N, C-alpha and C. Protein backbone atom coordinates (compact mmCIF):
# COMPACT_ATOMS: atom_id res chain seq x y z
N MET A 1 0.85 -1.18 0.06
CA MET A 1 0.00 0.04 0.01
C MET A 1 0.96 1.24 -0.12
N GLU A 2 0.65 2.18 -1.06
CA GLU A 2 1.25 3.42 -1.05
C GLU A 2 0.77 4.24 -0.07
N LYS A 3 1.76 4.98 0.65
CA LYS A 3 1.17 6.06 1.80
C LYS A 3 1.65 7.37 1.19
N THR A 4 0.88 8.35 1.67
CA THR A 4 1.12 9.72 1.29
C THR A 4 0.93 10.61 2.50
N THR A 5 1.49 11.89 2.44
CA THR A 5 1.23 12.84 3.49
C THR A 5 0.32 13.83 2.99
N ILE A 6 -0.69 14.18 3.73
CA ILE A 6 -1.84 15.20 3.29
C ILE A 6 -2.01 16.32 4.36
N GLY A 7 -2.41 17.31 3.85
CA GLY A 7 -3.06 18.31 4.81
C GLY A 7 -4.38 18.63 4.56
N VAL A 8 -5.15 18.90 5.48
CA VAL A 8 -6.61 18.95 5.34
C VAL A 8 -7.06 20.18 5.97
N ARG A 9 -7.82 21.04 5.21
CA ARG A 9 -8.36 22.34 5.67
C ARG A 9 -9.85 22.18 6.37
N ASP A 10 -10.11 23.05 7.16
CA ASP A 10 -11.49 23.15 7.79
C ASP A 10 -12.02 21.81 8.50
N VAL A 11 -11.10 21.23 9.16
CA VAL A 11 -11.50 20.10 10.02
C VAL A 11 -11.97 20.57 11.30
N ASP A 12 -12.99 20.11 11.81
CA ASP A 12 -13.61 20.58 13.16
C ASP A 12 -12.58 20.13 14.15
N ALA A 13 -12.11 21.02 14.95
CA ALA A 13 -10.97 20.81 15.96
C ALA A 13 -11.44 19.83 16.99
N ALA A 14 -12.70 19.94 17.51
CA ALA A 14 -13.14 19.12 18.44
C ALA A 14 -13.37 17.69 17.96
N VAL A 15 -13.73 17.50 16.91
CA VAL A 15 -14.07 16.25 16.29
C VAL A 15 -12.67 15.52 16.01
N PHE A 16 -11.83 16.33 15.49
CA PHE A 16 -10.43 15.84 15.41
C PHE A 16 -9.84 15.40 16.73
N ARG A 17 -9.86 16.15 17.75
CA ARG A 17 -9.20 15.64 18.97
C ARG A 17 -9.85 14.43 19.37
N LYS A 18 -11.31 14.35 19.33
CA LYS A 18 -11.97 13.08 19.69
C LYS A 18 -11.40 11.91 18.85
N PHE A 19 -11.30 12.01 17.59
CA PHE A 19 -10.91 11.00 16.69
C PHE A 19 -9.49 10.62 16.96
N ARG A 20 -8.56 11.60 17.29
CA ARG A 20 -7.15 11.33 17.70
C ARG A 20 -7.24 10.51 19.07
N ALA A 21 -8.02 10.83 19.89
CA ALA A 21 -8.05 10.18 21.36
C ALA A 21 -8.56 8.77 21.01
N PHE A 22 -9.56 8.59 20.15
CA PHE A 22 -9.99 7.22 19.76
C PHE A 22 -8.94 6.39 19.16
N ALA A 23 -8.20 6.83 18.37
CA ALA A 23 -6.97 6.09 17.62
C ALA A 23 -6.05 5.89 18.70
N ILE A 24 -5.67 6.75 19.64
CA ILE A 24 -4.67 6.43 20.72
C ILE A 24 -5.24 5.32 21.63
N GLU A 25 -6.61 5.27 21.95
CA GLU A 25 -7.18 4.32 22.83
C GLU A 25 -6.99 3.04 22.20
N ARG A 26 -6.95 2.85 20.96
CA ARG A 26 -7.06 1.67 20.13
C ARG A 26 -5.59 1.20 19.68
N ASN A 27 -4.62 2.05 20.24
CA ASN A 27 -3.23 1.85 19.88
C ASN A 27 -3.01 1.88 18.33
N GLU A 28 -3.63 2.76 17.63
CA GLU A 28 -3.60 2.86 16.25
C GLU A 28 -2.75 4.18 15.90
N LYS A 29 -1.98 4.23 14.73
CA LYS A 29 -1.52 5.30 14.30
C LYS A 29 -2.53 6.14 13.71
N LEU A 30 -2.50 7.45 13.89
CA LEU A 30 -3.60 8.30 13.28
C LEU A 30 -3.79 8.09 11.81
N GLY A 31 -2.76 8.08 11.02
CA GLY A 31 -3.02 7.81 9.56
C GLY A 31 -3.77 6.55 9.37
N ASP A 32 -3.34 5.38 10.17
CA ASP A 32 -4.07 4.11 9.96
C ASP A 32 -5.59 4.26 10.25
N ALA A 33 -5.82 5.10 11.46
CA ALA A 33 -7.13 5.12 11.76
C ALA A 33 -7.98 5.94 10.72
N ILE A 34 -7.34 7.05 10.22
CA ILE A 34 -8.07 7.84 9.14
C ILE A 34 -8.41 6.91 7.98
N THR A 35 -7.30 6.11 7.53
CA THR A 35 -7.60 5.31 6.36
C THR A 35 -8.72 4.37 6.58
N ALA A 36 -8.69 3.75 7.83
CA ALA A 36 -9.82 2.83 8.03
C ALA A 36 -11.14 3.46 8.02
N ALA A 37 -11.21 4.67 8.65
CA ALA A 37 -12.48 5.40 8.56
C ALA A 37 -12.87 5.80 7.10
N MET A 38 -12.00 6.18 6.35
CA MET A 38 -12.28 6.52 4.93
C MET A 38 -12.82 5.19 4.25
N LYS A 39 -12.13 4.06 4.40
CA LYS A 39 -12.59 2.82 3.71
C LYS A 39 -13.95 2.48 4.23
N LYS A 40 -14.17 2.66 5.44
CA LYS A 40 -15.54 2.31 6.09
C LYS A 40 -16.60 3.17 5.39
N ALA A 41 -16.25 4.41 5.20
CA ALA A 41 -17.31 5.38 4.61
C ALA A 41 -17.56 5.08 3.23
N ILE A 42 -16.54 4.57 2.47
CA ILE A 42 -16.60 4.19 1.03
C ILE A 42 -17.46 2.96 0.92
N ARG A 43 -17.17 2.01 1.94
CA ARG A 43 -17.81 0.66 1.93
C ARG A 43 -19.33 0.85 2.15
N GLU A 44 -19.60 1.73 3.18
CA GLU A 44 -21.08 1.94 3.64
C GLU A 44 -21.80 2.66 2.44
N SER A 45 -21.05 3.62 1.78
CA SER A 45 -21.71 4.06 0.62
C SER A 45 -22.03 3.13 -0.49
N PHE A 46 -21.12 2.36 -0.84
CA PHE A 46 -21.22 1.30 -1.73
C PHE A 46 -22.38 0.38 -1.45
N LEU A 47 -22.32 -0.04 -0.14
CA LEU A 47 -23.57 -0.96 0.29
C LEU A 47 -24.90 -0.31 0.13
N LYS A 48 -24.96 0.98 0.35
CA LYS A 48 -26.22 1.75 0.25
C LYS A 48 -26.71 1.73 -1.24
N ASP A 49 -25.68 1.95 -2.03
CA ASP A 49 -25.98 2.04 -3.48
C ASP A 49 -26.46 0.69 -3.89
N LEU A 50 -25.87 -0.42 -3.43
CA LEU A 50 -26.27 -1.76 -3.82
C LEU A 50 -27.65 -2.09 -3.24
N GLU A 51 -27.95 -1.59 -2.10
CA GLU A 51 -29.23 -1.85 -1.57
C GLU A 51 -30.27 -1.27 -2.44
N ALA A 52 -30.00 0.05 -2.78
CA ALA A 52 -30.96 0.80 -3.67
C ALA A 52 -31.17 0.14 -5.01
N MET A 53 -29.98 -0.31 -5.61
CA MET A 53 -30.20 -1.11 -6.83
C MET A 53 -30.98 -2.41 -6.68
N ALA A 54 -30.73 -3.06 -5.48
CA ALA A 54 -31.48 -4.31 -5.30
C ALA A 54 -32.92 -3.94 -5.26
N LYS A 55 -33.46 -2.87 -4.46
CA LYS A 55 -34.75 -2.52 -4.40
C LYS A 55 -35.43 -2.04 -5.75
N GLU A 56 -34.64 -1.35 -6.57
CA GLU A 56 -35.07 -0.93 -7.87
C GLU A 56 -35.10 -2.33 -8.70
N GLY A 57 -34.37 -3.29 -8.62
CA GLY A 57 -34.34 -4.52 -9.37
C GLY A 57 -35.55 -5.26 -9.03
N ALA A 58 -35.79 -5.29 -7.69
CA ALA A 58 -36.95 -6.10 -7.14
C ALA A 58 -38.25 -5.33 -7.82
N LYS A 59 -38.36 -3.99 -7.69
CA LYS A 59 -39.59 -3.39 -8.32
C LYS A 59 -39.68 -3.84 -9.85
N ARG A 60 -38.68 -3.64 -10.56
CA ARG A 60 -38.68 -4.02 -12.08
C ARG A 60 -39.02 -5.45 -12.26
N ALA A 61 -38.50 -6.41 -11.45
CA ALA A 61 -38.76 -7.78 -11.61
C ALA A 61 -40.25 -7.92 -11.30
N ALA A 62 -40.73 -7.38 -10.28
CA ALA A 62 -42.19 -7.48 -10.00
C ALA A 62 -43.07 -7.04 -11.11
N VAL A 63 -42.73 -5.99 -11.74
CA VAL A 63 -43.62 -5.49 -12.93
C VAL A 63 -43.45 -6.40 -14.03
N LEU A 64 -42.32 -7.14 -14.22
CA LEU A 64 -42.10 -8.03 -15.30
C LEU A 64 -42.69 -9.39 -14.89
N GLY A 65 -43.08 -9.66 -13.65
CA GLY A 65 -43.63 -10.95 -13.30
C GLY A 65 -42.60 -11.99 -12.94
N ILE A 66 -41.42 -11.48 -12.64
CA ILE A 66 -40.26 -12.42 -12.26
C ILE A 66 -40.26 -12.55 -10.82
N LYS A 67 -40.09 -13.81 -10.37
CA LYS A 67 -40.18 -14.20 -9.03
C LYS A 67 -38.85 -14.41 -8.55
N GLU A 68 -38.49 -14.28 -7.34
CA GLU A 68 -37.05 -14.42 -6.77
C GLU A 68 -36.58 -15.71 -7.04
N GLU A 69 -37.28 -16.82 -6.91
CA GLU A 69 -36.73 -18.15 -7.18
C GLU A 69 -36.39 -18.35 -8.70
N ASP A 70 -36.97 -17.50 -9.57
CA ASP A 70 -36.60 -17.73 -11.02
C ASP A 70 -35.28 -17.13 -11.27
N VAL A 71 -34.75 -16.19 -10.47
CA VAL A 71 -33.53 -15.35 -10.83
C VAL A 71 -32.36 -16.37 -11.19
N GLN A 72 -32.13 -17.40 -10.36
CA GLN A 72 -30.96 -18.22 -10.56
C GLN A 72 -30.92 -18.84 -12.07
N GLU A 73 -32.17 -19.24 -12.36
CA GLU A 73 -32.39 -19.95 -13.75
C GLU A 73 -32.14 -18.93 -14.86
N ILE A 74 -32.70 -17.76 -14.64
CA ILE A 74 -32.41 -16.64 -15.67
C ILE A 74 -30.91 -16.36 -15.78
N ILE A 75 -30.31 -16.28 -14.63
CA ILE A 75 -28.83 -15.98 -14.87
C ILE A 75 -28.00 -17.08 -15.56
N HIS A 76 -28.55 -18.32 -15.17
CA HIS A 76 -27.89 -19.33 -15.86
C HIS A 76 -27.99 -19.29 -17.39
N ARG A 77 -29.36 -19.13 -17.69
CA ARG A 77 -29.62 -19.11 -19.19
C ARG A 77 -28.87 -17.88 -19.87
N HIS A 78 -28.87 -16.83 -19.25
CA HIS A 78 -28.03 -15.72 -19.68
C HIS A 78 -26.57 -16.03 -19.90
N ARG A 79 -25.98 -16.59 -18.86
CA ARG A 79 -24.46 -16.90 -19.02
C ARG A 79 -24.22 -18.09 -20.05
N LYS A 80 -25.10 -18.89 -20.30
CA LYS A 80 -25.02 -19.98 -21.23
C LYS A 80 -25.14 -19.32 -22.60
N ALA A 81 -26.22 -18.47 -22.84
CA ALA A 81 -26.31 -17.92 -24.00
C ALA A 81 -25.05 -16.89 -24.36
N LYS A 82 -24.57 -16.35 -23.48
CA LYS A 82 -23.42 -15.36 -23.71
C LYS A 82 -22.27 -16.18 -24.08
N ALA A 83 -21.99 -17.33 -23.36
CA ALA A 83 -20.79 -18.27 -23.65
C ALA A 83 -21.01 -18.77 -25.14
N GLN A 84 -22.28 -19.10 -25.47
CA GLN A 84 -22.42 -19.71 -26.94
C GLN A 84 -22.34 -18.60 -27.92
N HIS A 85 -22.63 -17.41 -27.56
CA HIS A 85 -22.55 -16.37 -28.54
C HIS A 85 -20.94 -15.95 -28.68
N GLU A 86 -20.18 -16.06 -27.77
CA GLU A 86 -18.69 -15.79 -27.70
C GLU A 86 -18.14 -16.98 -28.44
N ALA A 87 -18.56 -18.19 -28.27
CA ALA A 87 -18.06 -19.22 -28.93
C ALA A 87 -18.24 -19.27 -30.51
N ASP A 88 -19.55 -18.85 -30.71
CA ASP A 88 -19.82 -18.59 -32.19
C ASP A 88 -18.95 -17.54 -32.86
N ALA A 89 -18.77 -16.40 -32.07
CA ALA A 89 -17.93 -15.33 -32.73
C ALA A 89 -16.51 -15.70 -32.91
N ARG A 90 -16.00 -16.68 -32.16
CA ARG A 90 -14.56 -17.17 -32.46
C ARG A 90 -14.45 -18.00 -33.66
N HIS A 91 -15.47 -18.63 -34.10
CA HIS A 91 -15.48 -19.50 -35.19
C HIS A 91 -15.71 -18.78 -36.59
């Protein structure tokens, strides 16, 4: 992992002191704690996006009359058709 040194403006001083104390309590370097917090924020945002996509997909599936138990078969057929199409394209 490549590391870098950064300077950040407009950080709430009280929040920073609490976060630094939090890192010290956990025997973590401040940079490692900040990196972990940023990764967690990114992961949580990504999971929220996935949940929204799943809800949208469920709504669309309901409109199309697709049941949850049908999804595996639909995926299997799609992958099989895609593999066949790629095989045909090679010949």
